[in-house]
Each structure stands twice: as structure tokens, then as C-alpha cells.
Amino acid sequence: MLHVTCDLCGKDLRPGDDRRYVVRIEVFAAQDENALVEDDLDEDHVEALHDLLLDEECSGEVADDAARKQFRFDMCPNCCKKFKKDPLNREAMLHFNFSAN
């Protein structure tokens, strides 16, 4: 039997008994595809690609700017509703209370 819990509140979500939601987030470096400069035309792209592939083979990693990262979260109906209302949780950032030391 598949065991699923809400990734925000930890509530057990039983298949068939509870509705659950899946949130997928993908993070990647933004590039302005229309920005073409003179240096782009002069660069040897085959050589640059070759160098990039060699660097990846040696290090086993892709540069952070170029890497894509995907996230998947299971949520209960209440947490999903809160997430859709404020996906970046900005409301919580506004309610910090610092002591007057």
C-alpha cells in the first residue's frame, strides 16, 4: 500500500479516502532568447560545447546557472488551498516579531 503524507503539515493521506494534490516546481536560469550580440556571432559554438562537455565529464556536475531543478510535493486540501493563495509564503515574511532587547 502506498503511504503518502502532506509535505507541509504531515497529515497522512490515504489513497481513496482523502483527496490530495501534487505541486510540481521547476527552477532554471532564465535567458532572453532575443538578445543576440555581436560576440555571439563570432564565438565558435562547437568548441564551446566541446569544452562544456569535457568539464561536465571531469567534474560530474553541470554549472548551477545551467542546471534545472525539479521539485514535487504532495499536499492535503487545506495546505494546497493555502499554497495557491500565497505560493511564495510572503504573508509569513511580513509577520516577523522581533523582541525589543
PDB file of N, CA and C in Angstrom:
ATOM      1  N   MET A   1       0.840  -1.180   0.000  1.00  0.00           N
ATOM      2  CA  MET A   1       0.000   0.000   0.000  1.00  0.00           C
ATOM      3  C   MET A   1       0.884   1.242   0.000  1.00  0.00           C
ATOM      4  N   LEU A   2       0.529   2.188  -0.793  1.00  0.00           N
ATOM      5  CA  LEU A   2       1.257   3.440  -0.916  1.00  0.00           C
ATOM      6  C   LEU A   2       0.981   4.332   0.289  1.00  0.00           C
ATOM      7  N   HIS A   3       2.045   4.817   0.926  1.00  0.00           N
ATOM      8  CA  HIS A   3       1.905   5.699   2.080  1.00  0.00           C
ATOM      9  C   HIS A   3       2.299   7.117   1.656  1.00  0.00           C
ATOM     10  N   VAL A   4       1.342   8.043   1.741  1.00  0.00           N
ATOM     11  CA  VAL A   4       1.583   9.426   1.331  1.00  0.00           C
ATOM     12  C   VAL A   4       1.216  10.344   2.486  1.00  0.00           C
ATOM     13  N   THR A   5       2.076  11.322   2.741  1.00  0.00           N
ATOM     14  CA  THR A   5       1.775  12.342   3.740  1.00  0.00           C
ATOM     15  C   THR A   5       1.875  13.710   3.092  1.00  0.00           C
ATOM     16  N   CYS A   6       1.177  14.674   3.648  1.00  0.00           N
ATOM     17  CA  CYS A   6       1.253  16.050   3.175  1.00  0.00           C
ATOM     18  C   CYS A   6       2.653  16.574   3.495  1.00  0.00           C
ATOM     19  N   ASP A   7       3.315  17.112   2.517  1.00  0.00           N
ATOM     20  CA  ASP A   7       4.678  17.598   2.714  1.00  0.00           C
ATOM     21  C   ASP A   7       4.741  18.890   3.520  1.00  0.00           C
ATOM     22  N   LEU A   8       3.597  19.543   3.756  1.00  0.00           N
ATOM     23  CA  LEU A   8       3.601  20.755   4.574  1.00  0.00           C
ATOM     24  C   LEU A   8       3.205  20.479   6.023  1.00  0.00           C
ATOM     25  N   CYS A   9       2.084  19.812   6.240  1.00  0.00           N
ATOM     26  CA  CYS A   9       1.590  19.621   7.617  1.00  0.00           C
ATOM     27  C   CYS A   9       1.840  18.218   8.157  1.00  0.00           C
ATOM     28  N   GLY A  10       2.184  17.262   7.295  1.00  0.00           N
ATOM     29  CA  GLY A  10       2.476  15.905   7.749  1.00  0.00           C
ATOM     30  C   GLY A  10       1.270  14.994   7.887  1.00  0.00           C
ATOM     31  N   LYS A  11       0.094  15.465   7.518  1.00  0.00           N
ATOM     32  CA  LYS A  11      -1.125  14.654   7.626  1.00  0.00           C
ATOM     33  C   LYS A  11      -1.010  13.428   6.720  1.00  0.00           C
ATOM     34  N   ASP A  12      -1.434  12.264   7.244  1.00  0.00           N
ATOM     35  CA  ASP A  12      -1.471  11.048   6.431  1.00  0.00           C
ATOM     36  C   ASP A  12      -2.576  11.174   5.391  1.00  0.00           C
ATOM     37  N   LEU A  13      -2.246  10.863   4.156  1.00  0.00           N
ATOM     38  CA  LEU A  13      -3.214  10.909   3.059  1.00  0.00           C
ATOM     39  C   LEU A  13      -3.379   9.489   2.537  1.00  0.00           C
ATOM     40  N   ARG A  14      -4.525   8.892   2.851  1.00  0.00           N
ATOM     41  CA  ARG A  14      -4.781   7.521   2.438  1.00  0.00           C
ATOM     42  C   ARG A  14      -5.370   7.494   1.030  1.00  0.00           C
ATOM     43  N   PRO A  15      -4.791   6.683   0.148  1.00  0.00           N
ATOM     44  CA  PRO A  15      -5.328   6.583  -1.213  1.00  0.00           C
ATOM     45  C   PRO A  15      -6.798   6.173  -1.185  1.00  0.00           C
ATOM     46  N   GLY A  16      -7.627   6.918  -1.895  1.00  0.00           N
ATOM     47  CA  GLY A  16      -9.049   6.620  -1.963  1.00  0.00           C
ATOM     48  C   GLY A  16      -9.871   7.304  -0.895  1.00  0.00           C
ATOM     49  N   ASP A  17      -9.286   7.553   0.287  1.00  0.00           N
ATOM     50  CA  ASP A  17     -10.024   8.189   1.379  1.00  0.00           C
ATOM     51  C   ASP A  17      -9.930   9.707   1.332  1.00  0.00           C
ATOM     52  N   ASP A  18      -8.737  10.206   1.113  1.00  0.00           N
ATOM     53  CA  ASP A  18      -8.504  11.649   1.140  1.00  0.00           C
ATOM     54  C   ASP A  18      -8.121  12.153  -0.251  1.00  0.00           C
ATOM     55  N   ARG A  19      -8.597  13.354  -0.553  1.00  0.00           N
ATOM     56  CA  ARG A  19      -8.106  13.994  -1.765  1.00  0.00           C
ATOM     57  C   ARG A  19      -6.720  14.518  -1.470  1.00  0.00           C
ATOM     58  N   ARG A  20      -5.860  14.447  -2.459  1.00  0.00           N
ATOM     59  CA  ARG A  20      -4.534  15.022  -2.306  1.00  0.00           C
ATOM     60  C   ARG A  20      -4.181  15.742  -3.591  1.00  0.00           C
ATOM     61  N   TYR A  21      -3.240  16.642  -3.475  1.00  0.00           N
ATOM     62  CA  TYR A  21      -2.813  17.443  -4.606  1.00  0.00           C
ATOM     63  C   TYR A  21      -1.315  17.286  -4.784  1.00  0.00           C
ATOM     64  N   VAL A  22      -0.867  17.420  -6.007  1.00  0.00           N
ATOM     65  CA  VAL A  22       0.554  17.361  -6.325  1.00  0.00           C
ATOM     66  C   VAL A  22       0.962  18.720  -6.868  1.00  0.00           C
ATOM     67  N   VAL A  23       2.027  19.266  -6.292  1.00  0.00           N
ATOM     68  CA  VAL A  23       2.579  20.539  -6.755  1.00  0.00           C
ATOM     69  C   VAL A  23       3.949  20.239  -7.340  1.00  0.00           C
ATOM     70  N   ARG A  24       4.174  20.666  -8.562  1.00  0.00           N
ATOM     71  CA  ARG A  24       5.471  20.491  -9.222  1.00  0.00           C
ATOM     72  C   ARG A  24       6.054  21.870  -9.492  1.00  0.00           C
ATOM     73  N   ILE A  25       7.315  22.028  -9.154  1.00  0.00           N
ATOM     74  CA  ILE A  25       8.011  23.293  -9.359  1.00  0.00           C
ATOM     75  C   ILE A  25       9.291  22.999 -10.128  1.00  0.00           C
ATOM     76  N   GLU A  26       9.573  23.815 -11.118  1.00  0.00           N
ATOM     77  CA  GLU A  26      10.803  23.681 -11.888  1.00  0.00           C
ATOM     78  C   GLU A  26      11.559  24.994 -11.816  1.00  0.00           C
ATOM     79  N   VAL A  27      12.846  24.912 -11.489  1.00  0.00           N
ATOM     80  CA  VAL A  27      13.691  26.098 -11.382  1.00  0.00           C
ATOM     81  C   VAL A  27      14.794  25.989 -12.419  1.00  0.00           C
ATOM     82  N   PHE A  28      14.971  27.049 -13.192  1.00  0.00           N
ATOM     83  CA  PHE A  28      16.029  27.073 -14.196  1.00  0.00           C
ATOM     84  C   PHE A  28      16.424  28.513 -14.479  1.00  0.00           C
ATOM     85  N   ALA A  29      17.614  28.686 -15.008  1.00  0.00           N
ATOM     86  CA  ALA A  29      18.119  30.018 -15.320  1.00  0.00           C
ATOM     87  C   ALA A  29      17.331  30.596 -16.490  1.00  0.00           C
ATOM     88  N   ALA A  30      16.874  31.817 -16.324  1.00  0.00           N
ATOM     89  CA  ALA A  30      16.139  32.497 -17.391  1.00  0.00           C
ATOM     90  C   ALA A  30      17.122  33.062 -18.405  1.00  0.00           C
ATOM     91  N   GLN A  31      16.758  32.962 -19.656  1.00  0.00           N
ATOM     92  CA  GLN A  31      17.590  33.508 -20.719  1.00  0.00           C
ATOM     93  C   GLN A  31      16.707  34.286 -21.669  1.00  0.00           C
ATOM     94  N   ASP A  32      17.175  35.438 -22.033  1.00  0.00           N
ATOM     95  CA  ASP A  32      16.452  36.227 -23.015  1.00  0.00           C
ATOM     96  C   ASP A  32      16.854  35.729 -24.397  1.00  0.00           C
ATOM     97  N   GLU A  33      15.974  34.965 -25.013  1.00  0.00           N
ATOM     98  CA  GLU A  33      16.290  34.325 -26.282  1.00  0.00           C
ATOM     99  C   GLU A  33      16.481  35.321 -27.418  1.00  0.00           C
ATOM    100  N   ASN A  34      15.937  36.511 -27.281  1.00  0.00           N
ATOM    101  CA  ASN A  34      16.036  37.503 -28.342  1.00  0.00           C
ATOM    102  C   ASN A  34      17.303  38.344 -28.264  1.00  0.00           C
ATOM    103  N   ALA A  35      18.048  38.211 -27.169  1.00  0.00           N
ATOM    104  CA  ALA A  35      19.244  39.036 -27.004  1.00  0.00           C
ATOM    105  C   ALA A  35      20.410  38.397 -27.745  1.00  0.00           C
ATOM    106  N   LEU A  36      20.705  38.895 -28.906  1.00  0.00           N
ATOM    107  CA  LEU A  36      21.813  38.417 -29.713  1.00  0.00           C
ATOM    108  C   LEU A  36      22.786  39.566 -29.889  1.00  0.00           C
ATOM    109  N   VAL A  37      24.016  39.330 -29.486  1.00  0.00           N
ATOM    110  CA  VAL A  37      25.028  40.379 -29.590  1.00  0.00           C
ATOM    111  C   VAL A  37      26.095  39.935 -30.586  1.00  0.00           C
ATOM    112  N   GLU A  38      26.940  40.858 -30.967  1.00  0.00           N
ATOM    113  CA  GLU A  38      27.979  40.588 -31.971  1.00  0.00           C
ATOM    114  C   GLU A  38      28.892  39.443 -31.537  1.00  0.00           C
ATOM    115  N   ASP A  39      29.201  39.367 -30.246  1.00  0.00           N
ATOM    116  CA  ASP A  39      30.079  38.304 -29.746  1.00  0.00           C
ATOM    117  C   ASP A  39      29.487  36.918 -29.966  1.00  0.00           C
ATOM    118  N   ASP A  40      28.160  36.811 -29.964  1.00  0.00           N
ATOM    119  CA  ASP A  40      27.511  35.522 -30.211  1.00  0.00           C
ATOM    120  C   ASP A  40      27.815  35.012 -31.613  1.00  0.00           C
ATOM    121  N   LEU A  41      27.930  35.921 -32.562  1.00  0.00           N
ATOM    122  CA  LEU A  41      28.195  35.529 -33.947  1.00  0.00           C
ATOM    123  C   LEU A  41      29.646  35.129 -34.149  1.00  0.00           C
ATOM    124  N   ASP A  42      30.547  35.697 -33.349  1.00  0.00           N
ATOM    125  CA  ASP A  42      31.971  35.415 -33.501  1.00  0.00           C
ATOM    126  C   ASP A  42      32.412  34.164 -32.764  1.00  0.00           C
ATOM    127  N   GLU A  43      31.669  33.755 -31.764  1.00  0.00           N
ATOM    128  CA  GLU A  43      32.060  32.623 -30.924  1.00  0.00           C
ATOM    129  C   GLU A  43      31.942  31.308 -31.682  1.00  0.00           C
ATOM    130  N   ASP A  44      32.895  30.413 -31.434  1.00  0.00           N
ATOM    131  CA  ASP A  44      32.861  29.073 -32.018  1.00  0.00           C
ATOM    132  C   ASP A  44      32.032  28.189 -31.081  1.00  0.00           C
ATOM    133  N   HIS A  45      30.756  27.993 -31.412  1.00  0.00           N
ATOM    134  CA  HIS A  45      29.840  27.271 -30.537  1.00  0.00           C
ATOM    135  C   HIS A  45      30.175  25.790 -30.428  1.00  0.00           C
ATOM    136  N   VAL A  46      30.734  25.202 -31.462  1.00  0.00           N
ATOM    137  CA  VAL A  46      31.103  23.791 -31.406  1.00  0.00           C
ATOM    138  C   VAL A  46      32.217  23.596 -30.387  1.00  0.00           C
ATOM    139  N   GLU A  47      33.183  24.494 -30.405  1.00  0.00           N
ATOM    140  CA  GLU A  47      34.281  24.402 -29.442  1.00  0.00           C
ATOM    141  C   GLU A  47      33.779  24.648 -28.013  1.00  0.00           C
ATOM    142  N   ALA A  48      32.883  25.615 -27.847  1.00  0.00           N
ATOM    143  CA  ALA A  48      32.328  25.906 -26.525  1.00  0.00           C
ATOM    144  C   ALA A  48      31.548  24.705 -25.995  1.00  0.00           C
ATOM    145  N   LEU A  49      30.789  24.052 -26.855  1.00  0.00           N
ATOM    146  CA  LEU A  49      30.029  22.869 -26.453  1.00  0.00           C
ATOM    147  C   LEU A  49      30.973  21.733 -26.070  1.00  0.00           C
ATOM    148  N   HIS A  50      32.020  21.568 -26.848  1.00  0.00           N
ATOM    149  CA  HIS A  50      33.025  20.545 -26.551  1.00  0.00           C
ATOM    150  C   HIS A  50      33.651  20.794 -25.183  1.00  0.00           C
ATOM    151  N   ASP A  51      34.028  22.035 -24.902  1.00  0.00           N
ATOM    152  CA  ASP A  51      34.624  22.382 -23.613  1.00  0.00           C
ATOM    153  C   ASP A  51      33.645  22.130 -22.472  1.00  0.00           C
ATOM    154  N   LEU A  52      32.383  22.480 -22.690  1.00  0.00           N
ATOM    155  CA  LEU A  52      31.357  22.267 -21.664  1.00  0.00           C
ATOM    156  C   LEU A  52      31.189  20.780 -21.361  1.00  0.00           C
ATOM    157  N   LEU A  53      31.149  19.963 -22.397  1.00  0.00           N
ATOM    158  CA  LEU A  53      31.001  18.521 -22.199  1.00  0.00           C
ATOM    159  C   LEU A  53      32.204  17.938 -21.481  1.00  0.00           C
ATOM    160  N   LEU A  54      33.394  18.398 -21.807  1.00  0.00           N
ATOM    161  CA  LEU A  54      34.587  17.917 -21.126  1.00  0.00           C
ATOM    162  C   LEU A  54      34.573  18.314 -19.659  1.00  0.00           C
ATOM    163  N   ASP A  55      34.159  19.536 -19.369  1.00  0.00           N
ATOM    164  CA  ASP A  55      34.085  19.995 -17.985  1.00  0.00           C
ATOM    165  C   ASP A  55      33.100  19.159 -17.185  1.00  0.00           C
ATOM    166  N   GLU A  56      31.954  18.821 -17.789  1.00  0.00           N
ATOM    167  CA  GLU A  56      30.941  18.025 -17.095  1.00  0.00           C
ATOM    168  C   GLU A  56      31.446  16.616 -16.838  1.00  0.00           C
ATOM    169  N   GLU A  57      32.169  16.047 -17.818  1.00  0.00           N
ATOM    170  CA  GLU A  57      32.684  14.695 -17.643  1.00  0.00           C
ATOM    171  C   GLU A  57      33.714  14.649 -16.521  1.00  0.00           C
ATOM    172  N   CYS A  58      34.525  15.685 -16.426  1.00  0.00           N
ATOM    173  CA  CYS A  58      35.572  15.709 -15.407  1.00  0.00           C
ATOM    174  C   CYS A  58      34.997  15.967 -14.020  1.00  0.00           C
ATOM    175  N   SER A  59      34.075  16.901 -13.924  1.00  0.00           N
ATOM    176  CA  SER A  59      33.567  17.278 -12.611  1.00  0.00           C
ATOM    177  C   SER A  59      32.339  16.470 -12.210  1.00  0.00           C
ATOM    178  N   GLY A  60      31.616  15.950 -13.183  1.00  0.00           N
ATOM    179  CA  GLY A  60      30.395  15.210 -12.891  1.00  0.00           C
ATOM    180  C   GLY A  60      29.224  16.109 -12.566  1.00  0.00           C
ATOM    181  N   GLU A  61      29.392  17.400 -12.698  1.00  0.00           N
ATOM    182  CA  GLU A  61      28.332  18.348 -12.372  1.00  0.00           C
ATOM    183  C   GLU A  61      28.145  19.326 -13.521  1.00  0.00           C
ATOM    184  N   VAL A  62      26.957  19.904 -13.550  1.00  0.00           N
ATOM    185  CA  VAL A  62      26.654  20.968 -14.501  1.00  0.00           C
ATOM    186  C   VAL A  62      26.692  22.263 -13.716  1.00  0.00           C
ATOM    187  N   ALA A  63      27.122  23.346 -14.349  1.00  0.00           N
ATOM    188  CA  ALA A  63      27.164  24.639 -13.662  1.00  0.00           C
ATOM    189  C   ALA A  63      25.791  24.977 -13.109  1.00  0.00           C
ATOM    190  N   ASP A  64      25.754  25.617 -11.921  1.00  0.00           N
ATOM    191  CA  ASP A  64      24.490  25.927 -11.257  1.00  0.00           C
ATOM    192  C   ASP A  64      23.566  26.762 -12.131  1.00  0.00           C
ATOM    193  N   ASP A  65      24.119  27.688 -12.936  1.00  0.00           N
ATOM    194  CA  ASP A  65      23.274  28.545 -13.768  1.00  0.00           C
ATOM    195  C   ASP A  65      22.509  27.719 -14.793  1.00  0.00           C
ATOM    196  N   ALA A  66      23.159  26.700 -15.321  1.00  0.00           N
ATOM    197  CA  ALA A  66      22.556  25.933 -16.401  1.00  0.00           C
ATOM    198  C   ALA A  66      21.701  24.778 -15.890  1.00  0.00           C
ATOM    199  N   ALA A  67      21.870  24.411 -14.642  1.00  0.00           N
ATOM    200  CA  ALA A  67      21.165  23.245 -14.112  1.00  0.00           C
ATOM    201  C   ALA A  67      19.688  23.549 -13.892  1.00  0.00           C
ATOM    202  N   ARG A  68      18.879  22.553 -14.171  1.00  0.00           N
ATOM    203  CA  ARG A  68      17.454  22.627 -13.865  1.00  0.00           C
ATOM    204  C   ARG A  68      17.211  21.789 -12.624  1.00  0.00           C
ATOM    205  N   LYS A  69      16.316  22.252 -11.793  1.00  0.00           N
ATOM    206  CA  LYS A  69      15.968  21.512 -10.587  1.00  0.00           C
ATOM    207  C   LYS A  69      14.456  21.398 -10.539  1.00  0.00           C
ATOM    208  N   GLN A  70      13.976  20.205 -10.296  1.00  0.00           N
ATOM    209  CA  GLN A  70      12.542  19.974 -10.222  1.00  0.00           C
ATOM    210  C   GLN A  70      12.179  19.476  -8.827  1.00  0.00           C
ATOM    211  N   PHE A  71      11.035  19.939  -8.337  1.00  0.00           N
ATOM    212  CA  PHE A  71      10.527  19.557  -7.030  1.00  0.00           C
ATOM    213  C   PHE A  71       9.113  19.018  -7.200  1.00  0.00           C
ATOM    214  N   ARG A  72       8.745  18.067  -6.330  1.00  0.00           N
ATOM    215  CA  ARG A  72       7.391  17.516  -6.332  1.00  0.00           C
ATOM    216  C   ARG A  72       6.934  17.392  -4.889  1.00  0.00           C
ATOM    217  N   PHE A  73       5.754  17.940  -4.598  1.00  0.00           N
ATOM    218  CA  PHE A  73       5.220  17.924  -3.250  1.00  0.00           C
ATOM    219  C   PHE A  73       3.794  17.389  -3.270  1.00  0.00           C
ATOM    220  N   ASP A  74       3.459  16.548  -2.282  1.00  0.00           N
ATOM    221  CA  ASP A  74       2.091  16.093  -2.071  1.00  0.00           C
ATOM    222  C   ASP A  74       1.487  16.988  -1.003  1.00  0.00           C
ATOM    223  N   MET A  75       0.235  17.404  -1.205  1.00  0.00           N
ATOM    224  CA  MET A  75      -0.423  18.290  -0.244  1.00  0.00           C
ATOM    225  C   MET A  75      -1.851  17.854   0.014  1.00  0.00           C
ATOM    226  N   CYS A  76      -2.274  18.083   1.252  1.00  0.00           N
ATOM    227  CA  CYS A  76      -3.677  17.863   1.617  1.00  0.00           C
ATOM    228  C   CYS A  76      -4.488  19.051   1.079  1.00  0.00           C
ATOM    229  N   PRO A  77      -5.815  18.954   1.032  1.00  0.00           N
ATOM    230  CA  PRO A  77      -6.632  20.052   0.501  1.00  0.00           C
ATOM    231  C   PRO A  77      -6.407  21.393   1.214  1.00  0.00           C
ATOM    232  N   ASN A  78      -6.270  21.377   2.556  1.00  0.00           N
ATOM    233  CA  ASN A  78      -6.079  22.635   3.283  1.00  0.00           C
ATOM    234  C   ASN A  78      -4.757  23.300   2.927  1.00  0.00           C
ATOM    235  N   CYS A  79      -3.677  22.532   2.898  1.00  0.00           N
ATOM    236  CA  CYS A  79      -2.366  23.096   2.574  1.00  0.00           C
ATOM    237  C   CYS A  79      -2.306  23.557   1.125  1.00  0.00           C
ATOM    238  N   CYS A  80      -2.969  22.818   0.239  1.00  0.00           N
ATOM    239  CA  CYS A  80      -2.999  23.220  -1.170  1.00  0.00           C
ATOM    240  C   CYS A  80      -3.722  24.550  -1.330  1.00  0.00           C
ATOM    241  N   LYS A  81      -4.797  24.725  -0.603  1.00  0.00           N
ATOM    242  CA  LYS A  81      -5.555  25.982  -0.661  1.00  0.00           C
ATOM    243  C   LYS A  81      -4.678  27.147  -0.195  1.00  0.00           C
ATOM    244  N   LYS A  82      -3.950  26.942   0.906  1.00  0.00           N
ATOM    245  CA  LYS A  82      -3.035  27.975   1.403  1.00  0.00           C
ATOM    246  C   LYS A  82      -1.919  28.252   0.399  1.00  0.00           C
ATOM    247  N   PHE A  83      -1.394  27.191  -0.207  1.00  0.00           N
ATOM    248  CA  PHE A  83      -0.307  27.338  -1.179  1.00  0.00           C
ATOM    249  C   PHE A  83      -0.760  28.134  -2.396  1.00  0.00           C
ATOM    250  N   LYS A  84      -1.958  27.835  -2.897  1.00  0.00           N
ATOM    251  CA  LYS A  84      -2.465  28.548  -4.072  1.00  0.00           C
ATOM    252  C   LYS A  84      -2.714  30.021  -3.766  1.00  0.00           C
ATOM    253  N   LYS A  85      -3.069  30.314  -2.529  1.00  0.00           N
ATOM    254  CA  LYS A  85      -3.320  31.702  -2.142  1.00  0.00           C
ATOM    255  C   LYS A  85      -2.016  32.487  -2.037  1.00  0.00           C
ATOM    256  N   ASP A  86      -0.943  31.855  -1.538  1.00  0.00           N
ATOM    257  CA  ASP A  86       0.324  32.542  -1.308  1.00  0.00           C
ATOM    258  C   ASP A  86       1.485  31.578  -1.556  1.00  0.00           C
ATOM    259  N   PRO A  87       1.803  31.271  -2.825  1.00  0.00           N
ATOM    260  CA  PRO A  87       2.804  30.241  -3.128  1.00  0.00           C
ATOM    261  C   PRO A  87       4.216  30.556  -2.621  1.00  0.00           C
ATOM    262  N   LEU A  88       4.577  31.822  -2.491  1.00  0.00           N
ATOM    263  CA  LEU A  88       5.909  32.172  -2.009  1.00  0.00           C
ATOM    264  C   LEU A  88       5.940  32.435  -0.511  1.00  0.00           C
ATOM    265  N   ASN A  89       4.799  32.239   0.151  1.00  0.00           N
ATOM    266  CA  ASN A  89       4.673  32.416   1.592  1.00  0.00           C
ATOM    267  C   ASN A  89       5.101  33.821   2.032  1.00  0.00           C
ATOM    268  N   ARG A  90       4.752  34.802   1.240  1.00  0.00           N
ATOM    269  CA  ARG A  90       5.112  36.190   1.542  1.00  0.00           C
ATOM    270  C   ARG A  90       4.404  36.706   2.784  1.00  0.00           C
ATOM    271  N   GLU A  91       3.195  36.233   3.026  1.00  0.00           N
ATOM    272  CA  GLU A  91       2.429  36.691   4.181  1.00  0.00           C
ATOM    273  C   GLU A  91       3.176  36.390   5.482  1.00  0.00           C
ATOM    274  N   ALA A  92       3.787  35.226   5.564  1.00  0.00           N
ATOM    275  CA  ALA A  92       4.538  34.861   6.769  1.00  0.00           C
ATOM    276  C   ALA A  92       5.754  35.763   6.949  1.00  0.00           C
ATOM    277  N   MET A  93       6.353  36.204   5.847  1.00  0.00           N
ATOM    278  CA  MET A  93       7.531  37.079   5.924  1.00  0.00           C
ATOM    279  C   MET A  93       7.159  38.443   6.511  1.00  0.00           C
ATOM    280  N   LEU A  94       5.928  38.878   6.343  1.00  0.00           N
ATOM    281  CA  LEU A  94       5.505  40.183   6.834  1.00  0.00           C
ATOM    282  C   LEU A  94       5.185  40.175   8.321  1.00  0.00           C
ATOM    283  N   HIS A  95       5.071  39.017   8.921  1.00  0.00           N
ATOM    284  CA  HIS A  95       4.629  38.914  10.300  1.00  0.00           C
ATOM    285  C   HIS A  95       5.742  38.533  11.277  1.00  0.00           C
ATOM    286  N   PHE A  96       6.970  38.912  10.972  1.00  0.00           N
ATOM    287  CA  PHE A  96       8.061  38.656  11.918  1.00  0.00           C
ATOM    288  C   PHE A  96       7.915  39.604  13.108  1.00  0.00           C
ATOM    289  N   ASN A  97       8.043  39.065  14.290  1.00  0.00           N
ATOM    290  CA  ASN A  97       8.000  39.870  15.507  1.00  0.00           C
ATOM    291  C   ASN A  97       9.346  39.759  16.193  1.00  0.00           C
ATOM    292  N   PHE A  98      10.071  40.857  16.226  1.00  0.00           N
ATOM    293  CA  PHE A  98      11.368  40.865  16.894  1.00  0.00           C
ATOM    294  C   PHE A  98      11.202  41.443  18.295  1.00  0.00           C
ATOM    295  N   SER A  99      11.940  40.867  19.237  1.00  0.00           N
ATOM    296  CA  SER A  99      11.872  41.371  20.605  1.00  0.00           C
ATOM    297  C   SER A  99      12.608  42.695  20.705  1.00  0.00           C
ATOM    298  N   ALA A 100      12.216  43.512  21.670  1.00  0.00           N
ATOM    299  CA  ALA A 100      12.832  44.826  21.871  1.00  0.00           C
ATOM    300  C   ALA A 100      13.934  44.697  22.913  1.00  0.00           C
ATOM    301  N   ASN A 101      15.001  44.009  22.588  1.00  0.00           N
ATOM    302  CA  ASN A 101      16.124  43.822  23.538  1.00  0.00           C
ATOM    303  C   ASN A 101      16.889  45.095  23.713  1.00  0.00           C
TER     304      ASN A 101
END
